[in-house]
Every structure is written in C-alpha cells, then in structure tokens.
Amino acid sequence: VADPARRMSAADALRHPWLREHDAAVASSRAQVLDKSVFDGLCKYQASSKLKRAILKLLAKEADEERVKTLREQFRTLDVQQDGFLSREELLRGLRQCQGFGDMTALDLMRLLPPDLFGEKISFTDFTAALLARQGFGKAELMAAFRRFDVRKEGKISLAALSEVLKNAGPASKLEAFKEADVGQDGAIDFDEFCALINA
C-alpha cells in the first residue's frame, strides 16, 4: 500500500490470519516431527542385529520417495547443524521438545537414549531405516530385499550368501546373525524367516 496511513502496522501484520495459520502449521509440524516414537524407533533399531540393520538399510535406500518424504522433513528439523547427520546433542534437543519431556533435566533425557546409540552421529540412511521399520513393509518390498540377499538365486539365504553381503562383518558376527534368522535351524534362511526377522 502506497499511502502510509492505510499501510498495515507490524503489530497488525503479526495478527493477520495468514500468519496465524502459518504459525499454527509450523507448530503442528514440529509436534509431529518431535513425536517420541521417533526416538523409540531409533533405540529399537540400534538394538537390532547387524543382519536386520543391513536389511532395513537396503529397504530404506529403495523405499518410495513418498514414504521417505515425511522422514526427510523430520530429519532436517532435528539436524540443527544441517550437516546431514544427527548428533547426540541434536537428539536430546529434539527429545526435550516432545510433549511431556520439556521439564526433564538433560541427565534424565540422556538416560532415555542408550549411551552407544549410533556412536557419534546418525546418518539419514540409519534414521530412515529405523523409522520405516516402525511403519512396516509390504510383501513385495520384502521379497525384493530377500532376492538381493539371495545372491546365489537359490530361493534361500545360506551362510555363504550372507557372508557375501555382510562383507565388513567378522566371521563371529555373521554366524550370530545367521543363527538368529535361521529359526528352523536347517542351514538356510527362507523367505518366511526373513520376514519374521524384519517384523520382530
């Protein structure tokens, strides 16, 4: 507005319905982002076996963008430093903003997060894998991941095939992961056992 007398003041502008709706939307978005289930999902993921985390990361990398979109927004909100990783301090800051946690001390909040949670930083891949696991996966997604681990196209995952996928894990870790999934103890992980591991 050219006429200063008719121009909206700063106070009036802040009371404008558009800004109030925007502020409400931001507040709602933050409340959704900082839901405690985010932290519960991260803790459960960290406690999973190396095999399960490897499968979940594969599923996360190949997930549909629509499924990842909201998680990407959550990650960016928590990633205060905008460096593509979440530090323990950023997680604690986010946890403090969860409903019911605002009055807790930093020490109390730290007790809610395992001391070895992802080491120093949490990558976006780990973050996505952890939270997609809480949402669950469809049979088609699980079958696609199973086939990636079934490198020998045998319709099952042998210890040798698993070793080819988990190249960075030591022999003991590979054997432990294999035994966890091979519920039938027949020397191979079939699709049902594979699904049971992911859905546990």
Protein backbone atom coordinates (compact mmCIF):
# COMPACT_ATOMS: atom_id res chain seq x y z
CA VAL A 1 0.00 0.00 0.00
CA ALA A 2 1.49 3.35 -1.06
CA ASP A 3 -0.38 5.50 1.48
CA PRO A 4 1.40 5.18 4.88
CA ALA A 5 -1.86 5.97 6.69
CA ARG A 6 -3.51 2.92 5.15
CA ARG A 7 -0.46 0.67 5.48
CA MET A 8 -0.74 -2.24 7.95
CA SER A 9 1.40 -1.86 11.08
CA ALA A 10 3.86 -4.56 12.16
CA ALA A 11 1.59 -5.49 15.06
CA ASP A 12 -1.42 -5.78 12.74
CA ALA A 13 0.63 -7.87 10.34
CA LEU A 14 1.53 -10.32 13.09
CA ARG A 15 -2.15 -10.68 13.92
CA HIS A 16 -3.09 -11.33 10.29
CA PRO A 17 -4.98 -14.65 9.84
CA TRP A 18 -2.48 -15.86 7.22
CA LEU A 19 0.45 -15.56 9.64
CA ARG A 20 -1.55 -17.13 12.46
CA GLU A 21 -2.40 -20.09 10.23
CA HIS A 22 1.25 -20.36 9.19
CA ASP A 23 2.43 -20.32 12.82
CA ALA A 24 -0.14 -22.96 13.72
CA ALA A 25 1.02 -25.13 10.82
CA VAL A 26 4.65 -24.80 11.90
CA ALA A 27 3.77 -25.67 15.49
CA SER A 28 1.76 -28.67 14.32
CA SER A 29 4.63 -29.78 12.08
CA ARG A 30 7.12 -29.56 14.94
CA ALA A 31 4.82 -31.50 17.23
CA GLN A 32 4.63 -34.24 14.62
CA VAL A 33 8.37 -34.19 14.00
CA LEU A 34 9.24 -34.42 17.66
CA ASP A 35 6.98 -37.35 18.49
CA LYS A 36 8.60 -39.72 20.99
CA SER A 37 8.08 -42.62 18.58
CA VAL A 38 10.99 -41.23 16.55
CA PHE A 39 13.35 -41.85 19.45
CA ASP A 40 11.77 -45.18 20.34
CA GLY A 41 12.32 -46.29 16.74
CA LEU A 42 15.97 -45.26 16.80
CA CYS A 43 16.60 -47.13 20.05
CA LYS A 44 14.91 -50.31 18.78
CA TYR A 45 16.88 -50.15 15.53
CA GLN A 46 20.17 -49.76 17.38
CA ALA A 47 19.37 -52.83 19.48
CA SER A 48 18.75 -54.93 16.34
CA SER A 49 21.25 -57.41 14.91
CA LYS A 50 23.70 -56.39 12.19
CA LEU A 51 21.78 -58.53 9.71
CA LYS A 52 18.47 -56.85 10.47
CA ARG A 53 20.02 -53.37 10.24
CA ALA A 54 21.66 -54.26 6.92
CA ILE A 55 18.32 -55.42 5.51
CA LEU A 56 16.50 -52.35 6.83
CA LYS A 57 19.09 -50.02 5.29
CA LEU A 58 18.65 -51.75 1.96
CA LEU A 59 14.88 -51.34 2.23
CA ALA A 60 15.31 -47.68 3.19
CA LYS A 61 17.54 -46.92 0.20
CA GLU A 62 14.99 -48.43 -2.18
CA ALA A 63 11.86 -47.06 -0.48
CA ASP A 64 9.39 -44.99 -2.47
CA GLU A 65 10.04 -41.25 -2.20
CA GLU A 66 6.52 -40.66 -0.87
CA ARG A 67 7.32 -42.84 2.14
CA VAL A 68 10.62 -41.07 2.73
CA LYS A 69 9.36 -37.50 2.26
CA THR A 70 7.99 -37.02 5.78
CA LEU A 71 11.03 -38.69 7.32
CA ARG A 72 13.31 -36.37 5.36
CA GLU A 73 11.45 -33.37 6.81
CA GLN A 74 11.72 -34.82 10.32
CA PHE A 75 15.44 -35.38 9.87
CA ARG A 76 16.04 -31.85 8.59
CA THR A 77 14.16 -30.37 11.53
CA LEU A 78 16.29 -32.32 14.00
CA ASP A 79 19.51 -31.66 12.05
CA VAL A 80 20.16 -28.19 13.51
CA GLN A 81 23.72 -28.07 12.14
CA GLN A 82 22.45 -29.07 8.68
CA ASP A 83 25.45 -31.35 8.16
CA GLY A 84 23.47 -34.41 7.10
CA PHE A 85 23.94 -36.19 10.44
CA LEU A 86 22.26 -36.13 13.84
CA SER A 87 24.49 -35.72 16.87
CA ARG A 88 23.54 -36.88 20.35
CA GLU A 89 23.07 -33.24 21.33
CA GLU A 90 20.62 -32.70 18.46
CA LEU A 91 18.68 -35.79 19.50
CA LEU A 92 18.49 -34.58 23.10
CA ARG A 93 17.32 -31.16 21.92
CA GLY A 94 14.62 -32.81 19.86
CA LEU A 95 13.59 -35.14 22.67
CA ARG A 96 13.22 -32.20 25.03
CA GLN A 97 10.62 -30.71 22.69
CA CYS A 98 8.47 -33.84 22.84
CA GLN A 99 5.26 -33.48 24.79
CA GLY A 100 5.82 -34.49 28.40
CA PHE A 101 9.61 -34.21 28.27
CA GLY A 102 10.11 -30.45 28.41
CA ASP A 103 10.58 -30.35 32.19
CA MET A 104 13.11 -33.17 32.34
CA THR A 105 16.76 -32.41 33.04
CA ALA A 106 19.48 -33.10 30.48
CA LEU A 107 20.70 -36.01 32.61
CA ASP A 108 17.22 -37.58 32.72
CA LEU A 109 16.89 -37.21 28.95
CA MET A 110 20.28 -38.80 28.35
CA ARG A 111 19.15 -41.86 30.28
CA LEU A 112 16.37 -42.35 27.73
CA LEU A 113 18.91 -42.71 24.91
CA PRO A 114 21.38 -45.62 25.05
CA PRO A 115 24.95 -44.30 25.52
CA ASP A 116 26.13 -46.20 22.42
CA LEU A 117 23.27 -45.01 20.20
CA PHE A 118 24.92 -44.94 16.74
CA GLY A 119 28.20 -43.74 18.20
CA GLU A 120 28.82 -40.08 17.45
CA LYS A 121 26.41 -39.45 14.57
CA ILE A 122 23.24 -40.84 12.98
CA SER A 123 23.11 -40.86 9.19
CA PHE A 124 19.96 -40.20 7.20
CA THR A 125 20.02 -43.81 5.97
CA ASP A 126 20.02 -45.17 9.53
CA PHE A 127 17.33 -42.67 10.55
CA THR A 128 15.12 -43.67 7.62
CA ALA A 129 15.71 -47.39 8.15
CA ALA A 130 14.78 -47.13 11.83
CA LEU A 131 11.53 -45.26 11.27
CA LEU A 132 10.41 -47.19 8.20
CA ALA A 133 10.81 -50.33 10.31
CA ARG A 134 8.19 -48.93 12.70
CA GLN A 135 5.82 -48.38 9.78
CA GLY A 136 6.32 -51.87 8.39
CA PHE A 137 6.96 -53.16 4.87
CA GLY A 138 4.79 -54.80 2.25
CA LYS A 139 5.40 -58.31 0.93
CA ALA A 140 6.67 -57.00 -2.42
CA GLU A 141 9.26 -54.80 -0.69
CA LEU A 142 10.43 -57.68 1.48
CA MET A 143 10.66 -60.06 -1.47
CA ALA A 144 12.79 -57.56 -3.41
CA ALA A 145 15.16 -57.26 -0.44
CA PHE A 146 15.23 -61.05 0.03
CA ARG A 147 16.29 -61.52 -3.58
CA ARG A 148 19.13 -59.04 -3.08
CA PHE A 149 20.46 -61.19 -0.23
CA ASP A 150 19.79 -64.41 -2.14
CA VAL A 151 22.85 -63.71 -4.30
CA ARG A 152 23.04 -67.34 -5.47
CA LYS A 153 19.40 -67.39 -6.63
CA GLU A 154 18.61 -70.47 -4.54
CA GLY A 155 15.35 -69.22 -3.03
CA LYS A 156 17.06 -69.15 0.35
CA ILE A 157 19.95 -67.38 2.05
CA SER A 158 22.84 -69.59 3.05
CA LEU A 159 25.63 -68.57 5.42
CA ALA A 160 27.96 -68.27 2.42
CA ALA A 161 25.49 -65.98 0.64
CA LEU A 162 25.04 -63.91 3.77
CA SER A 163 28.81 -63.56 4.10
CA GLU A 164 28.97 -62.09 0.59
CA VAL A 165 26.52 -59.36 1.60
CA LEU A 166 27.89 -58.61 5.08
CA LYS A 167 31.46 -58.26 3.85
CA ASN A 168 32.54 -55.87 6.60
CA ALA A 169 31.31 -58.04 9.47
CA GLY A 170 33.60 -60.52 11.20
CA PRO A 171 33.02 -64.30 10.99
CA ALA A 172 31.54 -64.45 14.50
CA SER A 173 29.11 -61.61 13.76
CA LYS A 174 27.99 -63.26 10.52
CA LEU A 175 27.39 -66.59 12.24
CA GLU A 176 25.48 -64.93 15.08
CA ALA A 177 23.28 -63.01 12.62
CA PHE A 178 22.65 -66.16 10.60
CA LYS A 179 21.65 -68.25 13.63
CA GLU A 180 19.25 -65.53 14.78
CA ALA A 181 17.36 -65.64 11.49
CA ASP A 182 17.60 -69.40 10.82
CA VAL A 183 14.78 -70.30 13.20
CA GLY A 184 14.29 -73.72 11.61
CA GLN A 185 17.99 -74.49 12.07
CA ASP A 186 18.17 -76.11 8.65
CA GLY A 187 21.22 -74.17 7.48
CA ALA A 188 19.32 -71.63 5.39
CA ILE A 189 17.09 -68.57 5.83
CA ASP A 190 13.87 -68.89 3.84
CA PHE A 191 11.52 -66.03 2.97
CA ASP A 192 9.22 -66.61 5.95
CA GLU A 193 12.17 -66.49 8.36
CA PHE A 194 13.46 -63.40 6.57
CA CYS A 195 10.10 -61.63 7.05
CA ALA A 196 9.86 -62.73 10.69
CA LEU A 197 13.27 -61.18 11.38
CA ILE A 198 12.27 -57.82 9.91
CA ASN A 199 8.85 -57.73 11.55
CA ALA A 200 10.10 -58.74 15.01
